[in-house]
Amino acid sequence: MRVGLCVTVLSVVVALMCAGCDWAQYFSGPGHTSANLYEPAFTVSAGAHFATAWSVTCEHNGCLPPLEAGGLVYVAELVGGVNPRTVVLRALDATTGAQRWSVVFNQVDDAEFLAIGNGLAYVVLFQTGLPDEVLGFDAANGGLQWEVSPPGATTEFGIRHENVVLDGTSLFVGATSPTRSALSAIDAGGHVVWSTNPPGMLDSVTADSGRTLYVSSHVFLTTPYAAVVPFLSGYAEPDGALQSTIELPAQAGVIVANRLAYVGSMAIHPDTGQVVWSVPGEVISIVTNSIALTEVGNDLIARDANTGALRWRAVGAAPTAAGTQTAAVAGALVFVAHPHVVDILSLQDGSLLGTTPPVSQDVDLVPANGHLYVDGALTLWAFAPTSV
């Protein structure tokens, strides 16, 4: 890792929190469901009473979407808009916002947190002319433990958060480029345990936790006519052995939950492609163990996750803000981002319960640890219910 790096430790106080309350990787968990049901503070009665617990300024170019685990919030801050530039990684106390440690990268293109677990903060680092790297930092104090360039890593920003899954002691990393893709398993010591090459370019990597990794990818065909052929491939988590390959009806990211794969407007069996239910025109965005939230036009719709039966429809409630995570479920609540405000809905019936204090136009939402963390513009907010 040929880069200037500085670690500052202010203090280390990591609270023992239930792992189920964390949002330790993008889209919440291995299935990328965007749901965190284990939030006892997020009740229906609490939905009308959210206030600002703390906020911090994201100077320069603002903060990337945060992650939360073990009582700390992990966020990357970009300094300057032209590469190479400085990127600052920060770990903040989840309850107060006080900084616990920071890591500074100088003269890099980008860096961000990928996941938190196994006592590690996993970070991807991009540098001009060098293969992308995954770094493991001590999650409690920011000390660098190891670094590795996974097989297939390129100099083209080929490792993206939608292609990364943390499940148990392994970080599964997809690296993609126009000519080749690779999927690798990295253990907690930074060693590549296995690697394989899914077909085409990657669209998403998700997991049926502890069992199978599902990789959606697409191949460009030029003969007999130009076409894009999307696939869903299943690989065994322990050794990367290919378990299944099916052709998908459309190129899309995949959510895995309830032993089903949710792709675009349908729920299918991921190993056979058998359609369980389908709602043409709608797009599935969030899945819990009982409800799948879909969007069509400006409406937000809740359906039975296993049958597709309609539960409720909230007219005009679909997210309108731009961001990576503009809607999320936690506890009994649905959080939906709009320019300058986050709506709070009941997961049970879709009714509007309340809103957060004002935010910026484009935001990302991370509900965890009894807080709703929102990054946008030059501020990271932590909102919390004032009553339950």
Protein backbone atom coordinates (compact mmCIF):
# COMPACT_ATOMS: atom_id res chain seq x y z
CA MET A 1 0.00 0.00 0.00
CA ARG A 2 2.09 2.88 -1.29
CA VAL A 3 0.25 5.71 0.39
CA GLY A 4 0.74 8.17 3.23
CA LEU A 5 -1.32 7.00 6.21
CA CYS A 6 -1.77 8.47 9.66
CA VAL A 7 -3.77 6.97 12.55
CA THR A 8 -5.05 9.07 15.43
CA VAL A 9 -6.63 7.38 18.45
CA LEU A 10 -8.59 9.67 20.75
CA SER A 11 -10.07 6.97 22.95
CA VAL A 12 -11.47 3.50 22.65
CA VAL A 13 -14.80 2.81 24.26
CA VAL A 14 -16.72 0.20 22.30
CA ALA A 15 -20.11 -0.64 23.75
CA LEU A 16 -21.29 -4.23 23.70
CA MET A 17 -24.30 -4.06 21.41
CA CYS A 18 -26.44 -6.80 19.94
CA ALA A 19 -25.08 -7.65 16.51
CA GLY A 20 -28.62 -7.76 15.15
CA CYS A 21 -29.00 -4.03 15.84
CA ASP A 22 -26.03 -3.12 13.66
CA TRP A 23 -25.93 -1.93 10.06
CA ALA A 24 -22.47 -3.32 9.44
CA GLN A 25 -22.42 -3.38 5.65
CA TYR A 26 -24.17 -1.69 2.77
CA PHE A 27 -27.85 -2.66 2.52
CA SER A 28 -27.74 -4.04 6.10
CA GLY A 29 -26.80 -7.72 5.84
CA PRO A 30 -25.55 -10.53 3.59
CA GLY A 31 -28.86 -10.65 1.69
CA HIS A 32 -28.75 -6.89 0.97
CA THR A 33 -32.33 -6.63 2.23
CA SER A 34 -32.08 -3.00 3.45
CA ALA A 35 -33.95 -4.11 6.57
CA ASN A 36 -32.99 -4.26 10.25
CA LEU A 37 -35.87 -5.70 12.25
CA TYR A 38 -34.03 -5.96 15.56
CA GLU A 39 -34.55 -2.38 16.72
CA PRO A 40 -36.70 -2.31 19.86
CA ALA A 41 -36.64 1.50 20.03
CA PHE A 42 -38.25 1.85 16.59
CA THR A 43 -41.89 1.25 17.54
CA VAL A 44 -45.00 2.67 15.88
CA SER A 45 -45.50 5.09 18.77
CA ALA A 46 -41.91 6.29 18.43
CA GLY A 47 -42.38 7.17 14.76
CA ALA A 48 -43.89 10.57 15.52
CA HIS A 49 -41.17 11.66 17.91
CA PHE A 50 -37.75 11.78 16.27
CA ALA A 51 -35.30 14.49 17.30
CA THR A 52 -31.64 15.25 16.66
CA ALA A 53 -29.39 13.34 19.06
CA TRP A 54 -26.20 14.76 17.55
CA SER A 55 -24.69 15.94 14.29
CA VAL A 56 -21.20 16.45 12.95
CA THR A 57 -19.90 18.49 10.06
CA CYS A 58 -18.53 16.65 7.04
CA GLU A 59 -16.10 19.22 5.75
CA HIS A 60 -14.72 19.55 2.25
CA ASN A 61 -16.69 17.27 -0.16
CA GLY A 62 -18.91 15.64 2.44
CA CYS A 63 -19.26 12.13 3.84
CA LEU A 64 -19.98 8.82 2.17
CA PRO A 65 -22.80 6.60 3.51
CA PRO A 66 -21.95 5.48 7.07
CA LEU A 67 -21.94 2.03 8.64
CA GLU A 68 -22.68 1.23 12.30
CA ALA A 69 -21.44 -1.65 14.42
CA GLY A 70 -20.52 -2.24 18.04
CA GLY A 71 -21.47 1.23 19.19
CA LEU A 72 -19.37 3.05 16.58
CA VAL A 73 -20.33 4.84 13.36
CA TYR A 74 -17.81 4.48 10.54
CA VAL A 75 -17.75 7.15 7.85
CA ALA A 76 -15.38 8.25 5.08
CA GLU A 77 -14.85 11.93 4.30
CA LEU A 78 -13.57 13.12 0.93
CA VAL A 79 -11.18 16.08 0.90
CA GLY A 80 -10.97 17.83 -2.45
CA GLY A 81 -12.71 17.09 -5.72
CA VAL A 82 -9.72 16.27 -7.93
CA ASN A 83 -7.64 13.08 -7.79
CA PRO A 84 -5.29 12.39 -6.19
CA ARG A 85 -6.74 13.73 -2.97
CA THR A 86 -7.02 13.06 0.76
CA VAL A 87 -9.62 10.75 2.29
CA VAL A 88 -10.26 10.63 6.03
CA LEU A 89 -11.82 7.57 7.65
CA ARG A 90 -13.49 8.24 10.99
CA ALA A 91 -14.99 6.12 13.75
CA LEU A 92 -17.49 8.06 15.87
CA ASP A 93 -19.26 7.18 19.09
CA ALA A 94 -22.72 6.08 17.97
CA THR A 95 -24.44 7.73 20.93
CA THR A 96 -22.61 11.07 21.11
CA GLY A 97 -20.84 11.54 17.77
CA ALA A 98 -17.47 12.00 19.48
CA GLN A 99 -14.55 10.86 17.34
CA ARG A 100 -12.82 7.70 18.61
CA TRP A 101 -10.20 7.30 15.91
CA SER A 102 -9.33 8.42 12.41
CA VAL A 103 -7.17 7.27 9.51
CA VAL A 104 -5.91 9.67 6.85
CA PHE A 105 -5.00 8.59 3.31
CA ASN A 106 -2.97 11.08 1.30
CA GLN A 107 -2.65 11.19 -2.48
CA VAL A 108 -5.31 8.57 -3.27
CA ASP A 109 -8.31 8.45 -5.58
CA ASP A 110 -10.85 7.16 -3.08
CA ALA A 111 -11.37 5.01 0.00
CA GLU A 112 -14.46 3.85 1.86
CA PHE A 113 -15.65 1.40 4.48
CA LEU A 114 -17.04 -1.83 3.03
CA ALA A 115 -18.10 -3.68 6.18
CA ILE A 116 -17.49 -4.04 9.91
CA GLY A 117 -17.07 -7.40 11.63
CA ASN A 118 -14.67 -9.93 13.13
CA GLY A 119 -13.05 -7.08 15.04
CA LEU A 120 -12.18 -5.44 11.72
CA ALA A 121 -13.18 -2.43 9.67
CA TYR A 122 -12.87 -3.51 6.03
CA VAL A 123 -11.87 -0.70 3.67
CA VAL A 124 -11.43 -0.51 -0.09
CA LEU A 125 -8.63 1.73 -1.37
CA PHE A 126 -8.28 3.11 -4.90
CA GLN A 127 -5.00 4.59 -6.16
CA THR A 128 -4.07 5.67 -9.67
CA GLY A 129 -2.11 3.01 -11.52
CA LEU A 130 -2.35 0.43 -8.71
CA PRO A 131 -4.74 -2.53 -8.30
CA ASP A 132 -7.63 -1.92 -5.94
CA GLU A 133 -6.90 -3.06 -2.38
CA VAL A 134 -8.94 -4.30 0.56
CA LEU A 135 -7.52 -3.30 3.94
CA GLY A 136 -8.38 -4.65 7.38
CA PHE A 137 -8.20 -2.14 10.24
CA ASP A 138 -8.76 -2.85 13.91
CA ALA A 139 -12.36 -1.74 14.33
CA ALA A 140 -11.73 -0.46 17.86
CA ASN A 141 -8.61 1.66 17.35
CA GLY A 142 -7.94 2.00 13.61
CA GLY A 143 -4.67 0.06 13.55
CA LEU A 144 -3.88 -1.48 10.16
CA GLN A 145 -3.89 -5.29 10.39
CA TRP A 146 -3.45 -6.39 6.77
CA GLU A 147 -3.91 -5.45 3.13
CA VAL A 148 -4.60 -7.51 0.02
CA SER A 149 -5.39 -7.02 -3.67
CA PRO A 150 -8.01 -9.69 -4.42
CA PRO A 151 -7.77 -11.72 -7.62
CA GLY A 152 -9.26 -9.77 -10.50
CA ALA A 153 -8.60 -6.40 -8.87
CA THR A 154 -7.88 -3.74 -11.49
CA THR A 155 -7.01 -0.06 -11.58
CA GLU A 156 -10.56 0.80 -12.69
CA PHE A 157 -12.57 1.08 -9.44
CA GLY A 158 -13.66 -2.54 -9.94
CA ILE A 159 -14.60 -3.26 -6.30
CA ARG A 160 -18.00 -1.76 -5.50
CA HIS A 161 -20.04 -2.06 -2.35
CA GLU A 162 -22.94 -3.80 -4.10
CA ASN A 163 -20.51 -6.61 -4.95
CA VAL A 164 -19.27 -7.14 -1.38
CA VAL A 165 -20.77 -9.35 1.34
CA LEU A 166 -19.59 -9.94 4.90
CA ASP A 167 -20.95 -13.25 6.19
CA GLY A 168 -19.49 -14.82 9.31
CA THR A 169 -15.70 -14.77 9.28
CA SER A 170 -15.41 -14.25 5.52
CA LEU A 171 -15.53 -11.13 3.38
CA PHE A 172 -16.67 -12.02 -0.13
CA VAL A 173 -15.40 -9.51 -2.68
CA GLY A 174 -16.43 -9.20 -6.28
CA ALA A 175 -14.04 -7.39 -8.62
CA THR A 176 -15.34 -6.56 -12.09
CA SER A 177 -14.10 -5.05 -15.34
CA PRO A 178 -15.28 -5.05 -18.97
CA THR A 179 -13.07 -8.06 -19.71
CA ARG A 180 -13.15 -10.20 -16.57
CA SER A 181 -14.76 -10.62 -13.16
CA ALA A 182 -13.65 -12.46 -10.05
CA LEU A 183 -15.27 -13.43 -6.75
CA SER A 184 -12.98 -14.10 -3.79
CA ALA A 185 -13.34 -15.15 -0.16
CA ILE A 186 -11.02 -13.33 2.27
CA ASP A 187 -10.67 -14.61 5.83
CA ALA A 188 -10.28 -12.47 8.94
CA GLY A 189 -6.50 -12.65 8.59
CA GLY A 190 -6.54 -11.10 5.13
CA HIS A 191 -5.84 -14.34 3.25
CA VAL A 192 -7.62 -15.22 0.01
CA VAL A 193 -9.24 -18.59 0.74
CA TRP A 194 -10.67 -19.18 -2.71
CA SER A 195 -11.44 -17.35 -5.92
CA THR A 196 -13.61 -18.02 -8.95
CA ASN A 197 -14.69 -16.23 -12.11
CA PRO A 198 -18.41 -15.53 -12.59
CA PRO A 199 -19.56 -14.89 -16.16
CA GLY A 200 -19.46 -11.36 -17.53
CA MET A 201 -19.62 -8.16 -15.50
CA LEU A 202 -21.02 -8.15 -11.96
CA ASP A 203 -24.28 -6.46 -10.98
CA SER A 204 -24.52 -7.61 -7.36
CA VAL A 205 -23.27 -10.17 -4.85
CA THR A 206 -25.61 -11.34 -2.08
CA ALA A 207 -25.87 -14.38 0.17
CA ASP A 208 -28.22 -16.88 1.69
CA SER A 209 -26.29 -16.54 4.93
CA GLY A 210 -23.94 -19.39 5.74
CA ARG A 211 -24.88 -21.34 2.64
CA THR A 212 -24.68 -19.85 -0.83
CA LEU A 213 -23.40 -16.70 -2.50
CA TYR A 214 -25.55 -15.48 -5.37
CA VAL A 215 -23.87 -13.42 -8.07
CA SER A 216 -25.91 -11.54 -10.64
CA SER A 217 -23.90 -10.67 -13.73
CA HIS A 218 -24.36 -9.99 -17.42
CA VAL A 219 -22.65 -10.95 -20.65
CA PHE A 220 -22.61 -8.82 -23.80
CA LEU A 221 -23.31 -10.72 -27.03
CA THR A 222 -22.46 -9.34 -30.45
CA THR A 223 -23.75 -12.18 -32.66
CA PRO A 224 -26.18 -12.91 -34.14
CA TYR A 225 -27.25 -9.52 -32.77
CA ALA A 226 -26.24 -7.22 -29.94
CA ALA A 227 -27.78 -8.32 -26.64
CA VAL A 228 -27.21 -8.43 -22.90
CA VAL A 229 -27.73 -11.79 -21.21
CA PRO A 230 -28.08 -11.66 -17.39
CA PHE A 231 -27.23 -14.60 -15.14
CA LEU A 232 -27.61 -15.57 -11.50
CA SER A 233 -24.91 -17.97 -10.32
CA GLY A 234 -24.77 -19.69 -6.94
CA TYR A 235 -21.46 -20.53 -5.24
CA ALA A 236 -20.90 -22.46 -2.01
CA GLU A 237 -19.56 -20.14 0.68
CA PRO A 238 -16.95 -22.57 2.10
CA ASP A 239 -15.08 -23.34 -1.14
CA GLY A 240 -16.59 -21.35 -4.01
CA ALA A 241 -17.91 -24.45 -5.78
CA LEU A 242 -20.49 -23.60 -8.45
CA GLN A 243 -23.94 -24.73 -7.28
CA SER A 244 -26.26 -23.34 -9.92
CA THR A 245 -26.54 -21.00 -12.90
CA ILE A 246 -29.78 -19.62 -14.30
CA GLU A 247 -30.62 -16.93 -16.81
CA LEU A 248 -32.44 -13.96 -15.32
CA PRO A 249 -35.34 -12.21 -17.07
CA ALA A 250 -33.57 -8.85 -16.83
CA GLN A 251 -30.29 -7.30 -15.73
CA ALA A 252 -30.71 -6.27 -12.09
CA GLY A 253 -29.32 -6.43 -8.61
CA VAL A 254 -30.63 -9.21 -6.38
CA ILE A 255 -31.98 -9.34 -2.82
CA VAL A 256 -31.80 -12.72 -1.07
CA ALA A 257 -34.17 -13.54 1.80
CA ASN A 258 -36.63 -16.24 2.80
CA ARG A 259 -34.74 -18.71 0.57
CA LEU A 260 -35.86 -16.64 -2.42
CA ALA A 261 -34.16 -14.21 -4.77
CA TYR A 262 -35.98 -10.94 -5.38
CA VAL A 263 -35.11 -9.58 -8.81
CA GLY A 264 -36.78 -6.53 -10.30
CA SER A 265 -40.51 -7.24 -10.13
CA MET A 266 -40.44 -10.91 -9.14
CA ALA A 267 -39.50 -13.42 -6.48
CA ILE A 268 -37.87 -16.60 -7.78
CA HIS A 269 -36.18 -19.72 -6.52
CA PRO A 270 -32.51 -18.74 -6.95
CA ASP A 271 -31.30 -22.21 -7.92
CA THR A 272 -33.97 -23.07 -10.48
CA GLY A 273 -35.40 -19.75 -11.65
CA GLN A 274 -38.94 -20.88 -10.87
CA VAL A 275 -41.13 -17.79 -10.44
CA VAL A 276 -42.90 -17.70 -7.06
CA TRP A 277 -44.69 -14.41 -7.65
CA SER A 278 -44.47 -11.44 -9.97
CA VAL A 279 -45.82 -7.86 -10.03
CA PRO A 280 -45.02 -6.40 -13.48
CA GLY A 281 -44.15 -2.71 -13.41
CA GLU A 282 -43.10 -2.67 -9.77
CA VAL A 283 -39.52 -2.82 -8.47
CA ILE A 284 -38.73 -4.68 -5.25
CA SER A 285 -36.44 -2.57 -3.05
CA ILE A 286 -36.63 -3.87 0.56
CA VAL A 287 -37.41 -7.33 1.94
CA THR A 288 -38.08 -8.53 5.48
CA ASN A 289 -39.04 -12.03 6.63
CA SER A 290 -42.69 -11.19 5.94
CA ILE A 291 -42.94 -8.08 3.75
CA ALA A 292 -41.46 -6.99 0.43
CA LEU A 293 -41.59 -3.27 -0.31
CA THR A 294 -41.90 -2.31 -3.96
CA GLU A 295 -42.01 0.97 -5.84
CA VAL A 296 -44.02 2.00 -8.88
CA GLY A 297 -44.14 5.60 -10.03
CA ASN A 298 -44.35 7.66 -6.84
CA ASP A 299 -46.09 4.98 -4.80
CA LEU A 300 -44.64 2.69 -2.13
CA ILE A 301 -46.29 -0.74 -1.92
CA ALA A 302 -46.03 -3.51 0.67
CA ARG A 303 -46.59 -7.12 -0.36
CA ASP A 304 -46.38 -10.46 1.37
CA ALA A 305 -42.76 -11.50 0.89
CA ASN A 306 -43.68 -15.13 0.22
CA THR A 307 -46.84 -14.80 -1.89
CA GLY A 308 -46.80 -11.27 -3.32
CA ALA A 309 -50.26 -10.54 -1.91
CA LEU A 310 -50.97 -6.83 -1.44
CA ARG A 311 -50.65 -5.56 2.14
CA TRP A 312 -50.91 -1.81 1.61
CA ARG A 313 -50.18 1.00 -0.85
CA ALA A 314 -48.96 4.46 0.18
CA VAL A 315 -49.67 6.89 -2.64
CA GLY A 316 -46.83 9.33 -3.29
CA ALA A 317 -44.65 7.80 -0.56
CA ALA A 318 -41.81 6.36 -2.68
CA PRO A 319 -38.39 7.94 -2.09
CA THR A 320 -37.57 10.97 -4.25
CA ALA A 321 -34.13 11.89 -2.89
CA ALA A 322 -30.96 10.72 -4.62
CA GLY A 323 -28.54 8.48 -2.75
CA THR A 324 -27.31 4.94 -2.19
CA GLN A 325 -29.81 4.05 0.55
CA THR A 326 -32.92 6.25 0.25
CA ALA A 327 -35.33 3.86 1.98
CA ALA A 328 -34.84 1.40 4.81
CA VAL A 329 -36.80 -0.64 7.32
CA ALA A 330 -35.94 -0.91 11.01
CA GLY A 331 -38.12 -2.31 13.76
CA ALA A 332 -41.73 -1.36 13.04
CA LEU A 333 -40.79 1.64 10.90
CA VAL A 334 -40.10 2.48 7.26
CA PHE A 335 -37.77 5.42 6.61
CA VAL A 336 -38.14 7.14 3.23
CA ALA A 337 -35.92 9.99 2.02
CA HIS A 338 -37.19 13.03 0.17
CA PRO A 339 -35.38 16.31 -0.48
CA HIS A 340 -34.88 18.02 2.90
CA VAL A 341 -36.94 15.55 4.96
CA VAL A 342 -37.19 11.86 5.88
CA ASP A 343 -40.70 10.45 6.21
CA ILE A 344 -41.38 7.82 8.89
CA LEU A 345 -44.08 5.28 8.01
CA SER A 346 -45.63 2.33 9.78
CA LEU A 347 -44.42 -0.97 8.36
CA GLN A 348 -47.75 -2.51 9.33
CA ASP A 349 -50.07 -0.30 7.28
CA GLY A 350 -47.98 2.36 5.48
CA SER A 351 -49.47 5.27 7.41
CA LEU A 352 -47.33 8.38 7.84
CA LEU A 353 -46.31 8.61 11.49
CA GLY A 354 -43.96 11.58 11.42
CA THR A 355 -40.85 13.10 9.91
CA THR A 356 -37.30 13.84 10.97
CA PRO A 357 -35.97 17.34 11.50
CA PRO A 358 -34.84 18.99 8.23
CA VAL A 359 -32.01 17.37 6.26
CA SER A 360 -30.29 18.15 2.97
CA GLN A 361 -31.64 17.45 -0.50
CA ASP A 362 -29.87 14.13 -1.16
CA VAL A 363 -29.23 11.72 1.70
CA ASP A 364 -28.44 8.13 2.71
CA LEU A 365 -30.26 6.37 5.55
CA VAL A 366 -28.78 3.94 8.08
CA PRO A 367 -31.14 2.91 10.93
CA ALA A 368 -29.17 1.14 13.65
CA ASN A 369 -28.42 1.16 17.36
CA GLY A 370 -31.62 3.05 18.18
CA HIS A 371 -30.66 5.89 15.83
CA LEU A 372 -31.35 6.92 12.27
CA TYR A 373 -28.02 8.05 10.81
CA VAL A 374 -28.39 10.34 7.82
CA ASP A 375 -25.56 11.71 5.71
CA GLY A 376 -26.14 14.49 3.24
CA ALA A 377 -24.39 17.56 1.88
CA LEU A 378 -21.87 18.50 4.58
CA THR A 379 -23.55 17.00 7.66
CA LEU A 380 -23.93 13.61 9.30
CA TRP A 381 -27.03 13.55 11.52
CA ALA A 382 -28.07 11.06 14.19
CA PHE A 383 -31.80 11.15 14.92
CA ALA A 384 -33.41 9.19 17.74
CA PRO A 385 -36.94 8.72 19.05
CA THR A 386 -37.72 10.76 22.14
CA SER A 387 -40.24 8.14 23.28
CA VAL A 388 -41.04 4.51 22.51
